[in-house]
Protein backbone atom coordinates (compact mmCIF):
# COMPACT_ATOMS: atom_id res chain seq x y z
CA MET A 1 77.55 -15.82 -61.49
CA LYS A 2 74.95 -13.22 -62.37
CA ASP A 3 72.12 -15.64 -61.49
CA PHE A 4 73.90 -16.50 -58.22
CA PHE A 5 73.94 -12.85 -57.08
CA LYS A 6 70.35 -12.49 -58.17
CA MET A 7 69.24 -15.47 -56.13
CA THR A 8 71.32 -14.39 -53.11
CA CYS A 9 69.88 -10.85 -53.12
CA ALA A 10 66.36 -12.20 -53.51
CA THR A 11 66.90 -14.55 -50.56
CA VAL A 12 68.28 -11.77 -48.34
CA VAL A 13 65.39 -9.44 -49.26
CA GLY A 14 62.91 -12.25 -48.63
CA ILE A 15 64.36 -13.01 -45.19
CA PHE A 16 64.36 -9.30 -44.32
CA LEU A 17 60.72 -8.90 -45.39
CA PHE A 18 59.74 -12.05 -43.50
CA PHE A 19 61.18 -10.80 -40.21
CA LEU A 20 59.79 -7.32 -40.79
CA ILE A 21 56.26 -8.62 -41.37
CA PHE A 22 56.57 -11.21 -38.58
CA GLY A 23 57.76 -8.54 -36.14
CA PHE A 24 54.94 -6.19 -37.14
CA LEU A 25 52.33 -8.91 -36.71
CA GLY A 26 53.87 -9.90 -33.37
CA VAL A 27 53.65 -6.34 -32.06
CA MET A 28 50.06 -6.05 -33.28
CA CYS A 29 49.14 -9.33 -31.55
CA LEU A 30 50.80 -8.10 -28.39
CA VAL A 31 48.91 -4.82 -28.49
CA GLY A 32 45.69 -6.73 -29.11
CA MET A 33 46.31 -9.00 -26.13
CA VAL A 34 47.01 -6.04 -23.86
CA ALA A 35 43.94 -4.20 -25.14
CA SER A 36 41.77 -7.24 -24.50
CA THR A 37 42.97 -7.48 -20.89
CA SER A 38 42.06 -3.82 -20.31
CA ALA A 39 38.54 -4.03 -21.75
CA THR A 40 35.63 -3.26 -19.43
CA LYS A 41 34.57 -6.41 -17.60
CA SER A 42 30.91 -7.20 -16.98
CA VAL A 43 29.89 -9.03 -13.82
CA ASP A 44 27.38 -11.87 -14.01
CA ASP A 45 24.83 -12.36 -11.29
CA ASN A 46 25.80 -14.67 -8.43
CA SER A 47 29.57 -14.24 -8.94
CA VAL A 48 32.50 -14.75 -6.60
CA MET A 49 35.80 -12.86 -6.50
CA VAL A 50 38.85 -15.11 -6.25
CA MET A 51 41.95 -13.95 -4.36
CA ASN A 52 44.94 -16.10 -5.20
CA LEU A 53 47.48 -15.56 -2.42
CA SER A 54 50.63 -16.71 -4.20
CA GLY A 55 53.68 -14.99 -5.63
CA SER A 56 54.49 -11.54 -4.30
CA LEU A 57 52.48 -8.61 -3.00
CA ASP A 58 54.08 -5.34 -4.07
CA GLU A 59 53.14 -1.77 -3.25
CA ARG A 60 51.86 -1.08 -6.74
CA GLY A 61 50.70 -3.39 -9.49
CA SER A 62 52.08 -3.17 -13.01
CA GLU A 63 51.19 -5.02 -16.18
CA ASP A 64 54.17 -6.97 -17.49
CA VAL A 65 53.48 -7.28 -21.19
CA PHE A 66 56.04 -10.08 -21.63
CA SER A 67 54.29 -12.32 -19.10
CA LEU A 68 51.42 -12.57 -21.60
CA PHE A 69 53.78 -14.53 -23.85
CA SER A 70 55.95 -16.39 -21.35
CA GLY A 71 53.30 -17.25 -18.79
CA GLY A 72 56.18 -17.76 -16.38
CA GLY A 73 58.07 -15.83 -13.77
CA VAL A 74 56.98 -14.85 -10.31
CA THR A 75 53.37 -13.66 -10.20
CA SER A 76 53.01 -10.26 -8.64
CA THR A 77 49.95 -8.47 -7.31
CA GLY A 78 49.85 -4.82 -6.41
CA LEU A 79 48.44 -3.87 -3.01
CA ASP A 80 46.68 -1.01 -4.78
CA GLU A 81 45.03 -3.48 -7.19
CA ALA A 82 43.93 -5.79 -4.39
CA LEU A 83 42.40 -2.96 -2.33
CA ILE A 84 40.52 -1.60 -5.35
CA ALA A 85 39.24 -5.10 -6.18
CA ILE A 86 37.97 -5.70 -2.64
CA LYS A 87 36.23 -2.33 -2.55
CA LYS A 88 34.52 -2.93 -5.91
CA ALA A 89 33.48 -6.43 -4.79
CA LYS A 90 31.90 -4.92 -1.67
CA GLU A 91 29.93 -2.38 -3.70
CA ASN A 92 28.82 -4.73 -6.52
CA ASP A 93 25.53 -6.49 -5.74
CA ASP A 94 26.27 -9.26 -8.26
CA ILE A 95 29.33 -10.41 -6.30
CA LYS A 96 28.19 -12.53 -3.36
CA GLY A 97 31.48 -13.31 -1.68
CA ILE A 98 35.26 -13.73 -1.83
CA TYR A 99 37.11 -17.02 -2.14
CA ILE A 100 40.73 -16.94 -0.90
CA GLU A 101 43.08 -19.63 -2.18
CA ALA A 102 46.34 -19.51 -0.24
CA GLY A 103 49.70 -20.63 -1.60
CA MET A 104 53.29 -19.45 -1.25
CA TYR A 105 52.97 -15.72 -0.67
CA SER A 106 55.67 -13.08 -0.20
CA PRO A 107 54.18 -9.73 0.84
CA ASP A 108 56.65 -6.86 1.05
CA SER A 109 55.76 -6.05 4.68
CA TRP A 110 53.45 -6.79 7.59
CA ALA A 111 51.89 -3.37 7.06
CA SER A 112 50.82 -4.40 3.54
CA MET A 113 49.25 -7.58 4.90
CA GLN A 114 47.52 -5.58 7.61
CA ALA A 115 46.09 -3.17 5.03
CA LEU A 116 44.83 -6.09 2.92
CA ARG A 117 43.28 -7.80 5.94
CA HIS A 118 41.57 -4.60 7.11
CA ALA A 119 40.04 -4.24 3.64
CA LEU A 120 38.63 -7.77 3.96
CA VAL A 121 37.22 -6.95 7.39
CA ASP A 122 35.53 -3.92 5.84
CA PHE A 123 34.20 -6.14 3.01
CA LYS A 124 32.41 -8.34 5.56
CA LYS A 125 30.47 -5.34 6.81
CA SER A 126 28.43 -5.64 3.60
CA GLY A 127 27.04 -8.95 4.90
CA LYS A 128 28.85 -10.96 2.21
CA TRP A 129 30.89 -14.07 2.97
CA ILE A 130 34.58 -14.96 2.74
CA VAL A 131 35.83 -18.53 2.42
CA SER A 132 39.47 -19.61 2.46
CA TYR A 133 41.27 -22.80 1.41
CA ALA A 134 44.90 -23.95 1.33
CA ASP A 135 46.96 -27.09 1.05
CA THR A 136 49.27 -25.39 3.55
CA TYR A 137 48.93 -21.97 5.20
CA THR A 138 52.10 -19.96 5.66
CA GLN A 139 52.17 -17.44 8.49
CA ALA A 140 51.46 -14.61 6.03
CA THR A 141 48.56 -16.33 4.29
CA TYR A 142 46.97 -17.52 7.52
CA TYR A 143 47.07 -14.00 8.96
CA ILE A 144 45.17 -12.68 5.93
CA ALA A 145 42.85 -15.68 5.61
CA SER A 146 41.95 -15.74 9.31
CA VAL A 147 39.36 -13.06 8.58
CA ALA A 148 37.32 -15.62 6.60
CA ASP A 149 33.97 -16.97 7.79
CA LYS A 150 35.21 -20.48 7.00
CA ILE A 151 38.84 -21.61 6.88
CA TYR A 152 39.38 -24.94 5.12
CA LEU A 153 42.59 -26.98 4.99
CA ASN A 154 43.69 -30.03 3.06
CA PRO A 155 43.40 -33.09 5.36
CA GLN A 156 47.18 -33.54 5.13
CA GLY A 157 47.96 -29.82 5.22
CA GLN A 158 49.71 -27.63 7.78
CA VAL A 159 49.30 -24.22 9.40
CA ASP A 160 52.64 -22.52 9.97
CA LEU A 161 52.25 -20.00 12.80
CA HIS A 162 55.62 -19.60 14.49
CA GLY A 163 55.97 -15.98 15.59
CA ILE A 164 58.47 -13.41 14.29
CA ALA A 165 62.25 -13.49 14.54
CA ALA A 166 64.89 -11.06 13.31
CA GLU A 167 68.16 -12.59 12.12
CA PRO A 168 70.45 -9.82 10.86
CA MET A 169 73.49 -10.76 8.82
CA PHE A 170 77.04 -9.52 9.48
CA LEU A 171 79.70 -9.35 6.76
CA LYS A 172 82.61 -7.77 8.62
CA ASP A 173 84.64 -10.99 8.92
CA LEU A 174 83.86 -12.00 5.32
CA MET A 175 85.15 -8.65 4.06
CA SER A 176 88.27 -8.91 6.22
CA LYS A 177 89.23 -12.13 4.43
CA PHE A 178 89.62 -10.00 1.31
CA GLY A 179 91.43 -7.20 3.13
CA VAL A 180 88.47 -4.80 3.06
CA LYS A 181 86.95 -2.95 6.01
CA MET A 182 84.44 -0.15 6.45
CA GLN A 183 85.29 3.24 7.93
CA LEU A 184 82.22 4.60 9.67
CA SER A 185 80.97 7.97 10.82
CA LYS A 186 77.45 8.07 12.19
CA VAL A 187 75.06 9.93 14.48
CA GLY A 188 72.47 7.99 16.47
CA ALA A 189 72.95 5.24 19.01
CA TYR A 190 70.14 3.26 17.35
CA LYS A 191 71.37 3.83 13.76
CA SER A 192 72.05 0.19 13.02
CA ALA A 193 72.29 0.09 9.22
CA PRO A 194 76.13 0.04 9.14
CA GLU A 195 76.36 -2.82 11.65
CA MET A 196 76.11 -5.36 8.84
CA PHE A 197 79.53 -4.21 7.63
CA THR A 198 81.22 -2.95 10.81
CA ALA A 199 80.20 -5.40 13.57
CA ASP A 200 79.84 -9.12 14.18
CA LYS A 201 76.71 -8.93 16.34
CA MET A 202 73.82 -6.62 17.19
CA SER A 203 74.55 -3.61 19.37
CA ASP A 204 72.60 -3.36 22.62
CA ALA A 205 70.66 -0.37 21.25
CA ASN A 206 69.74 -2.20 18.07
CA ARG A 207 68.73 -5.33 19.97
CA GLU A 208 66.46 -3.15 22.12
CA GLN A 209 64.67 -1.47 19.21
CA VAL A 210 64.30 -4.65 17.16
CA THR A 211 62.87 -6.48 20.17
CA VAL A 212 60.31 -3.73 20.64
CA TYR A 213 59.14 -3.55 17.04
CA ILE A 214 58.96 -7.28 16.27
CA ASN A 215 56.97 -7.81 19.48
CA GLY A 216 54.71 -4.92 18.46
CA ILE A 217 54.12 -6.46 15.03
CA TRP A 218 53.40 -9.88 16.54
CA ASP A 219 50.98 -8.38 19.05
CA ASN A 220 49.01 -6.90 16.14
CA VAL A 221 49.00 -10.23 14.31
CA VAL A 222 47.80 -12.12 17.40
CA LYS A 223 45.15 -9.50 18.22
CA ASP A 224 43.68 -9.63 14.69
CA ILE A 225 43.68 -13.43 14.47
CA CYS A 226 42.16 -13.82 17.94
CA ALA A 227 39.39 -11.31 17.16
CA SER A 228 38.36 -13.35 14.11
CA ARG A 229 38.82 -16.82 15.56
CA LYS A 230 37.31 -16.00 18.97
CA ILE A 231 40.23 -17.30 21.03
CA SER A 232 42.45 -15.54 23.58
CA ALA A 233 45.94 -14.20 22.90
CA GLU A 234 47.35 -16.41 25.65
CA THR A 235 45.80 -19.48 24.06
CA LEU A 236 47.06 -18.67 20.56
CA ASN A 237 50.60 -17.98 21.79
CA ALA A 238 50.54 -21.28 23.68
CA TYR A 239 49.56 -23.06 20.44
CA VAL A 240 52.39 -21.30 18.57
CA ASP A 241 54.93 -22.27 21.24
CA ASP A 242 53.77 -25.88 20.92
CA MET A 243 54.96 -26.03 17.25
CA LEU A 244 51.56 -25.56 15.66
CA ILE A 245 53.00 -26.46 12.25
CA PHE A 246 53.25 -30.14 13.31
CA ASN A 247 49.65 -30.41 14.55
CA ASP A 248 47.42 -32.63 12.44
CA ALA A 249 44.16 -31.40 10.95
CA PRO A 250 41.84 -32.84 13.68
CA THR A 251 43.93 -31.06 16.33
CA LEU A 252 43.83 -27.79 14.38
CA LEU A 253 40.07 -28.15 14.11
CA LYS A 254 39.77 -28.75 17.84
CA LYS A 255 41.89 -25.66 18.55
CA LYS A 256 39.63 -23.50 16.29
CA ILE A 257 42.52 -22.71 13.96
CA ILE A 258 40.50 -24.10 11.03
CA ASP A 259 36.82 -24.85 10.41
CA GLY A 260 37.10 -27.99 8.35
CA THR A 261 39.13 -30.15 5.98
CA LEU A 262 38.60 -30.54 2.25
CA TYR A 263 40.51 -31.92 -0.68
CA THR A 264 41.12 -29.53 -3.55
CA ASP A 265 38.36 -30.99 -5.73
CA GLU A 266 35.81 -30.60 -2.91
CA VAL A 267 36.24 -26.85 -2.43
CA LYS A 268 34.12 -25.87 -5.42
CA GLY A 269 31.19 -27.79 -3.95
CA GLU A 270 31.26 -25.64 -0.81
CA ILE A 271 31.31 -22.47 -2.90
CA LYS A 272 28.33 -23.73 -4.92
CA LYS A 273 26.38 -24.32 -1.72
CA LEU A 274 26.94 -20.71 -0.67
CA LEU A 275 25.86 -19.52 -4.13
CA LYS A 276 22.89 -21.94 -4.07
CA LEU A 277 24.01 -23.56 -7.31
CA LYS A 278 23.43 -27.11 -8.55
CA ASP A 279 26.31 -29.56 -8.88
CA ASP A 280 26.50 -29.12 -12.65
CA ASP A 281 26.23 -25.30 -12.56
CA ARG A 282 29.24 -23.14 -13.39
CA VAL A 283 30.70 -20.76 -10.79
CA ASN A 284 31.12 -17.24 -12.14
CA GLN A 285 34.58 -16.13 -11.04
CA LEU A 286 36.51 -12.87 -11.21
CA SER A 287 40.18 -12.45 -10.34
CA ILE A 288 41.82 -9.37 -8.89
CA ALA A 289 43.03 -8.54 -12.41
CA ASP A 290 39.47 -8.87 -13.75
CA MET A 291 38.19 -6.53 -11.06
CA GLN A 292 40.44 -3.73 -12.30
CA ASN A 293 38.25 -3.56 -15.42
CA VAL A 294 34.94 -3.75 -13.57
CA LYS A 295 33.21 -0.41 -13.68
CA SER A 296 33.15 1.27 -10.29
CA LYS A 297 30.57 3.65 -8.94
CA SER A 298 30.69 6.92 -10.86
CA SER A 299 33.40 9.26 -9.66
CA GLU A 300 32.85 12.96 -10.04
CA GLY A 301 34.41 16.05 -8.58
CA ASP A 302 38.00 17.21 -8.16
CA GLU A 303 41.20 15.25 -8.56
CA ILE A 304 43.39 14.04 -5.70
CA ALA A 305 46.77 12.79 -6.92
CA VAL A 306 48.25 9.70 -5.26
CA TYR A 307 51.99 9.76 -5.90
CA TYR A 308 53.86 6.50 -5.20
CA ALA A 309 57.39 6.82 -3.78
CA VAL A 310 58.67 3.26 -3.41
CA GLY A 311 62.18 1.86 -2.94
CA ASP A 312 65.64 3.20 -2.15
CA ILE A 313 66.07 6.96 -2.31
CA VAL A 314 68.78 7.80 -4.85
CA ASP A 315 70.08 10.78 -6.75
CA GLY A 316 70.06 9.75 -10.39
CA GLN A 317 69.86 6.46 -12.25
CA ALA A 318 73.54 5.62 -11.69
CA GLN A 319 72.85 5.25 -7.98
CA GLY A 320 69.57 3.51 -8.80
CA LEU A 321 71.53 0.61 -10.24
CA THR A 322 72.52 -0.44 -6.72
CA SER A 323 69.03 -1.34 -5.60
CA GLY A 324 68.01 -4.02 -8.04
CA GLY A 325 64.39 -2.87 -7.81
CA SER A 326 62.16 0.18 -7.59
CA VAL A 327 63.87 3.42 -6.64
CA ILE A 328 62.86 6.91 -5.62
CA ASP A 329 65.05 8.94 -7.95
CA ALA A 330 65.16 12.48 -6.54
CA GLN A 331 65.83 13.98 -9.97
CA VAL A 332 62.65 12.41 -11.35
CA VAL A 333 60.46 12.81 -8.26
CA CYS A 334 61.23 16.51 -7.87
CA LYS A 335 60.21 17.18 -11.47
CA ASP A 336 57.03 15.14 -11.01
CA LEU A 337 56.09 17.03 -7.84
CA GLU A 338 56.76 20.31 -9.59
CA LYS A 339 54.26 19.31 -12.31
CA LEU A 340 51.66 18.44 -9.66
CA THR A 341 52.31 21.80 -8.01
CA LYS A 342 51.53 23.62 -11.25
CA ASP A 343 48.56 21.41 -12.21
CA ASP A 344 45.47 23.40 -11.18
CA ASP A 345 43.25 20.34 -11.75
CA VAL A 346 44.98 18.55 -8.86
CA LYS A 347 43.54 19.91 -5.62
CA ALA A 348 45.53 17.79 -3.14
CA VAL A 349 48.33 15.22 -3.17
CA VAL A 350 48.73 11.99 -1.20
CA LEU A 351 52.36 10.92 -1.12
CA ARG A 352 52.40 7.14 -0.68
CA VAL A 353 55.80 6.32 0.84
CA ASN A 354 57.26 2.83 1.16
CA SER A 355 60.98 3.31 1.69
CA GLY A 356 63.71 2.57 4.18
CA GLY A 357 65.62 5.61 2.96
CA GLY A 358 68.88 6.02 1.10
CA SER A 359 70.84 9.08 0.03
CA ALA A 360 70.61 11.92 2.56
CA TYR A 361 71.27 14.47 -0.19
CA ALA A 362 68.48 13.09 -2.38
CA SER A 363 66.10 13.03 0.62
CA GLU A 364 66.74 16.73 1.22
CA GLN A 365 65.91 17.56 -2.42
CA ILE A 366 62.58 15.71 -2.22
CA TRP A 367 61.83 17.36 1.14
CA HIS A 368 62.23 20.75 -0.55
CA ALA A 369 59.94 19.73 -3.44
CA VAL A 370 57.27 18.68 -0.91
CA GLU A 371 57.61 22.06 0.83
CA VAL A 372 57.01 23.89 -2.46
CA LEU A 373 54.04 21.63 -3.22
CA LYS A 374 52.58 22.10 0.26
CA ALA A 375 52.62 25.88 -0.18
CA LYS A 376 50.18 25.47 -3.09
CA LYS A 377 47.91 22.57 -2.00
CA PRO A 378 47.51 20.06 0.85
CA VAL A 379 50.00 17.18 1.03
CA VAL A 380 49.16 14.07 3.08
CA VAL A 381 51.60 11.19 3.51
CA SER A 382 50.36 7.61 3.53
CA MET A 383 53.03 5.26 4.90
CA GLY A 384 53.26 1.71 3.65
CA GLY A 385 55.52 -1.03 5.01
CA MET A 386 58.17 1.48 5.99
CA ALA A 387 58.77 5.20 5.82
CA ALA A 388 61.92 5.43 7.89
CA SER A 389 65.17 7.37 7.87
CA GLY A 390 65.22 9.02 4.42
CA GLY A 391 61.66 7.76 3.97
CA TYR A 392 60.67 9.77 7.04
CA TYR A 393 62.79 12.72 5.90
CA ILE A 394 60.68 13.14 2.75
CA SER A 395 57.47 12.69 4.79
CA CYS A 396 58.00 14.95 7.79
CA GLY A 397 57.14 18.23 6.06
CA SER A 398 53.66 17.19 4.92
CA ASN A 399 50.42 18.56 6.35
CA TRP A 400 49.38 15.19 7.80
CA ILE A 401 50.92 11.73 8.21
CA VAL A 402 48.94 8.48 8.19
CA ALA A 403 50.62 5.15 8.99
CA GLU A 404 49.60 1.55 9.51
CA PRO A 405 50.07 0.28 13.10
CA THR A 406 52.89 -1.99 11.88
CA THR A 407 54.62 0.54 9.60
CA LEU A 408 58.32 0.96 10.41
CA THR A 409 59.01 4.67 10.70
CA GLY A 410 61.25 7.24 12.39
CA SER A 411 64.95 6.23 12.32
CA ILE A 412 65.97 9.89 12.39
CA GLY A 413 69.72 9.53 11.99
CA ILE A 414 72.48 9.67 9.42
CA PHE A 415 75.77 7.94 8.66
CA GLY A 416 78.66 7.85 6.24
CA MET A 417 80.35 4.57 5.38
CA PHE A 418 83.55 4.41 3.33
CA PRO A 419 85.30 1.20 2.21
CA ASP A 420 89.02 0.86 2.94
CA ALA A 421 90.44 -1.58 0.41
CA SER A 422 94.11 -0.82 1.13
CA GLY A 423 94.54 -4.22 2.80
CA LEU A 424 93.25 -5.95 -0.31
CA LEU A 425 95.50 -3.95 -2.61
CA LYS A 426 98.69 -3.96 -0.54
CA GLU A 427 98.62 -7.22 1.41
CA LYS A 428 96.56 -9.53 -0.80
CA LEU A 429 97.47 -8.26 -4.27
CA GLY A 430 100.92 -6.76 -3.59
CA VAL A 431 100.15 -3.32 -5.04
CA LYS A 432 102.62 -0.57 -4.00
CA PHE A 433 101.87 3.16 -3.75
CA ASP A 434 103.95 6.32 -3.57
CA GLU A 435 102.81 9.95 -3.46
CA VAL A 436 103.59 13.53 -4.30
CA LYS A 437 101.11 16.25 -3.26
CA THR A 438 100.73 20.02 -3.05
CA ASN A 439 98.46 20.32 -0.02
CA LYS A 440 97.81 18.56 3.26
CA PHE A 441 94.69 16.69 2.11
CA SER A 442 95.38 16.46 -1.62
CA ASN A 443 95.07 12.68 -1.58
CA PHE A 444 92.00 12.55 0.67
CA GLY A 445 89.94 9.50 -0.31
CA THR A 446 92.86 7.61 -1.83
CA MET A 447 92.64 3.81 -2.02
CA SER A 448 96.20 3.47 -0.75
CA ARG A 449 95.39 3.99 2.95
CA PRO A 450 92.54 4.41 5.44
CA PHE A 451 91.43 7.85 6.62
CA SER A 452 93.66 9.54 9.17
CA PRO A 453 92.22 10.58 12.56
CA GLU A 454 92.21 14.20 11.41
CA GLU A 455 90.33 13.32 8.22
CA MET A 456 87.79 11.33 10.23
CA SER A 457 87.22 14.33 12.48
CA TYR A 458 86.29 16.43 9.45
CA LEU A 459 83.94 13.67 8.28
CA ASP A 460 82.36 13.46 11.74
CA THR A 461 81.69 17.22 11.65
CA TYR A 462 80.10 16.88 8.22
CA ILE A 463 77.89 13.98 9.34
CA ASP A 464 76.87 15.90 12.48
CA ARG A 465 75.80 18.81 10.28
CA GLY A 466 73.66 16.49 8.18
CA TYR A 467 72.02 15.03 11.29
CA SER A 468 71.30 18.52 12.66
CA LEU A 469 69.63 19.45 9.37
CA PHE A 470 67.53 16.26 9.35
CA ARG A 471 66.49 16.85 12.95
CA SER A 472 65.55 20.48 12.26
CA ARG A 473 63.43 19.43 9.25
CA VAL A 474 61.50 17.06 11.52
CA ALA A 475 61.14 19.70 14.24
CA THR A 476 59.74 22.27 11.78
CA GLY A 477 57.45 19.81 10.00
CA ARG A 478 56.07 18.22 13.15
CA LYS A 479 55.89 21.51 15.10
CA MET A 480 58.17 20.19 17.83
CA SER A 481 61.26 21.56 19.54
CA VAL A 482 64.64 20.22 18.47
CA ASP A 483 65.13 18.83 21.99
CA ALA A 484 61.81 16.97 21.77
CA VAL A 485 62.85 15.47 18.43
CA GLU A 486 66.21 14.44 19.84
CA LYS A 487 64.48 12.33 22.50
CA ILE A 488 62.83 10.15 19.81
CA ALA A 489 65.62 10.41 17.22
CA GLN A 490 69.13 8.91 17.51
CA GLY A 491 68.21 6.59 14.64
CA ARG A 492 65.49 4.84 16.68
CA VAL A 493 63.00 2.81 14.59
CA TRP A 494 59.37 3.02 15.73
CA LEU A 495 56.20 1.20 14.76
CA GLY A 496 53.43 3.39 13.38
CA GLN A 497 51.33 2.84 16.50
CA ASP A 498 54.22 4.10 18.67
CA GLY A 499 54.90 6.94 16.25
CA LEU A 500 51.37 8.14 16.91
CA LYS A 501 52.18 8.41 20.61
CA ASN A 502 55.40 10.37 20.10
CA LYS A 503 54.01 12.71 17.39
CA LEU A 504 55.90 11.24 14.44
CA VAL A 505 52.51 10.22 13.00
CA ASP A 506 49.11 11.95 13.08
CA GLU A 507 46.71 9.07 12.45
CA LEU A 508 46.61 5.31 11.98
CA GLY A 509 45.08 3.85 8.85
CA GLY A 510 45.61 2.99 5.22
CA LEU A 511 45.62 4.82 1.93
CA ASP A 512 41.86 5.38 2.06
CA VAL A 513 42.21 7.27 5.35
CA ALA A 514 44.95 9.45 3.85
CA VAL A 515 42.84 10.26 0.78
CA ALA A 516 39.85 11.20 2.95
CA LYS A 517 42.08 13.51 5.00
CA ALA A 518 43.48 15.15 1.87
CA ALA A 519 39.92 15.78 0.64
CA LYS A 520 39.03 17.33 3.98
CA LEU A 521 42.07 19.62 3.97
CA ALA A 522 41.29 20.69 0.41
CA LYS A 523 37.62 21.17 1.35
CA LEU A 524 36.36 18.81 -1.37
CA ASP A 525 32.87 17.31 -1.23
CA LYS A 526 33.28 15.15 -4.34
CA TYR A 527 36.59 13.82 -5.54
CA TYR A 528 38.36 11.01 -7.35
CA THR A 529 41.95 9.76 -7.24
CA SER A 530 44.57 9.40 -9.97
CA SER A 531 47.81 7.46 -9.57
CA TYR A 532 51.23 8.93 -10.36
CA PRO A 533 53.77 8.45 -11.84
CA ALA A 534 52.24 6.72 -14.86
CA LEU A 535 53.24 3.09 -15.31
CA PRO A 536 55.09 2.19 -18.53
CA ASP A 537 52.78 1.20 -21.38
CA VAL A 538 53.33 -1.64 -23.85
CA PHE A 539 55.51 0.41 -26.20
CA GLU A 540 57.72 1.72 -23.38
CA GLN A 541 58.25 -1.83 -22.13
CA LEU A 542 59.17 -2.96 -25.64
CA MET A 543 61.64 -0.09 -26.00
CA GLU A 544 63.23 -0.88 -22.64
CA ALA A 545 63.64 -4.50 -23.63
CA THR A 546 65.13 -3.50 -26.99
CA GLU A 547 67.62 -1.13 -25.36
CA GLY A 548 68.51 -3.71 -22.74
CA SER A 549 67.72 -1.37 -19.87
CA SER A 550 65.30 -3.70 -18.17
CA GLY A 551 66.77 -6.42 -15.98
CA ASN A 552 63.53 -7.77 -14.61
CA TYR A 553 63.97 -11.42 -15.59
CA LEU A 554 67.62 -11.63 -14.58
CA ASP A 555 66.82 -9.79 -11.38
CA GLU A 556 64.01 -12.25 -10.57
CA ALA A 557 66.36 -15.17 -11.11
CA MET A 558 69.07 -13.63 -8.94
CA ARG A 559 66.63 -12.90 -6.12
CA ALA A 560 65.21 -16.41 -6.27
CA THR A 561 68.69 -17.97 -6.22
CA LEU A 562 70.33 -15.81 -3.54
CA GLY A 563 67.30 -15.18 -1.33
CA GLU A 564 68.22 -13.22 1.80
CA TYR A 565 71.82 -12.79 0.56
CA TYR A 566 70.73 -10.86 -2.54
CA GLU A 567 70.49 -7.34 -1.07
CA PRO A 568 73.77 -7.24 0.90
CA LEU A 569 75.79 -8.81 -1.92
CA LEU A 570 74.29 -6.45 -4.49
CA PHE A 571 75.16 -3.55 -2.19
CA LEU A 572 78.79 -4.69 -1.94
CA LYS A 573 79.03 -5.11 -5.70
CA ASN A 574 77.87 -1.55 -6.37
CA ILE A 575 79.12 0.23 -3.27
CA ASN A 576 81.13 2.80 -5.20
CA ARG A 577 77.99 4.01 -6.99
CA GLN A 578 76.20 4.86 -3.74
CA ASN A 579 76.10 8.28 -2.17
CA ALA A 580 78.46 7.96 0.80
CA ILE A 581 76.15 9.85 3.19
CA GLN A 582 73.09 7.73 3.95
CA ALA A 583 69.85 8.11 5.89
CA ARG A 584 68.42 4.62 5.79
CA LEU A 585 67.28 1.49 7.64
CA PRO A 586 69.44 -1.67 7.71
CA TYR A 587 70.11 -3.04 4.25
CA GLN A 588 68.38 -6.30 5.15
CA LEU A 589 65.88 -6.49 8.04
CA ASN A 590 65.61 -10.27 7.58
CA LEU A 591 62.40 -10.79 9.56
CA ARG A 592 61.23 -14.41 9.64
């Protein structure tokens, strides 16, 4: 028996030591792999930068340490990474051109694609070439790739240009089957976000604004493609209306949509010709990830902080659980902006906003933090795919606002939406309620009944007060009268190019334009940029995974499975965690 316990203890200790050493070595290998990917990259002469347009294009790139092991999941590229890579490729004499390989691509917005395309147009000013190839071009990838000097397609491939359609989803009748309905209080004829839950079709006001902005986006797409392909807008629209996707390659060539056909194994030969290489020579390639570690031209001078505010606007992590993605947590953002206010090394701040809004209360807190920051140093807003409703709320107080032509902005309005589940409880489940109370509204908000008309009147007054505050913030920040703001408010969504006309925006352009403006306001001759907040490092990612706080892989799987139904269903699941008073765009724009 004594020998048995001895052997058992030795085995347990051995297993424990094995896993301890194995875990330590695993972490060290992981750290080594991450360190190797961040090492400075040298560029060989006669190189080409490769842009792989597949996976997703997000506002900001992040290094997922676990993807180094799994090699799976959805590939993601940050718009910031892509823009930096293109700029470095333009400045580096050893890089002769860019090769675009188009696949299935899911950019977060048309504004992001427009920013990427404009960067490629700027790259061509260096006299370098761009070549593109795809087995099939989606509408997104063709829009970006159309800037190329040569567009090649697989002989059996397709080009899918079909225009833009909006197909909003309505859940009112679905909810009624379970005995649930939404009680709504809102200000703004164009404030369409609640329609998903309170209507069964688009309101006339919403149909009007959506028609305007999708036509505005499409006009930008057509104008850019036509400028590169040297065809008229009328001609391109005629091709699109003739189901361009079903045209064969010879027809696409005749219509100047492509420049030639190649099989996959023939593409490298064309690149070698441009690089003046022999058939057996190797092509020196650099990816967007490689370009992040290529040394850029020396940056000296003062610091301009670029602070990224991306996702739903929430007040605390509990609300953040409803989004299933990046959030703008007011509690965190306000502390971060306070640090930037006190940091004397930071001479100006560019607030990069990509948000359709969220909590009205949280938006007000961030607005105040921006006001405090602005009193100390210049604040310029750079709008991404959208900076609307709460996203515009946190932007309106800045010194200067820069937006892409296709940015969705404005939507100055507010609403409160409250679920009434009494039908579910009483009629479907047979739950009975009784009450005893001390005051008239003691059971306000009870699940046993909907709001009374008197209670709704109080809510309407509260919502009106929130709208008046939002409108006054815009009027003060934009130096307009309240009446002038009211004419462009009412929840109306505007494109950036229209926002410029009605004074919601000061200038059209991308992040580079915003940074240059911030430098000018701060009177800086030499400057460099730093990105905030800091992305999680390898150890933080490991800790998150250990604590189970990261749902990235499950979230990816859910998004891939549910597609366009993901956002509305996630909202319904977590509705009780949301702040009831919202300043936001529709929960799902569903642009096709």
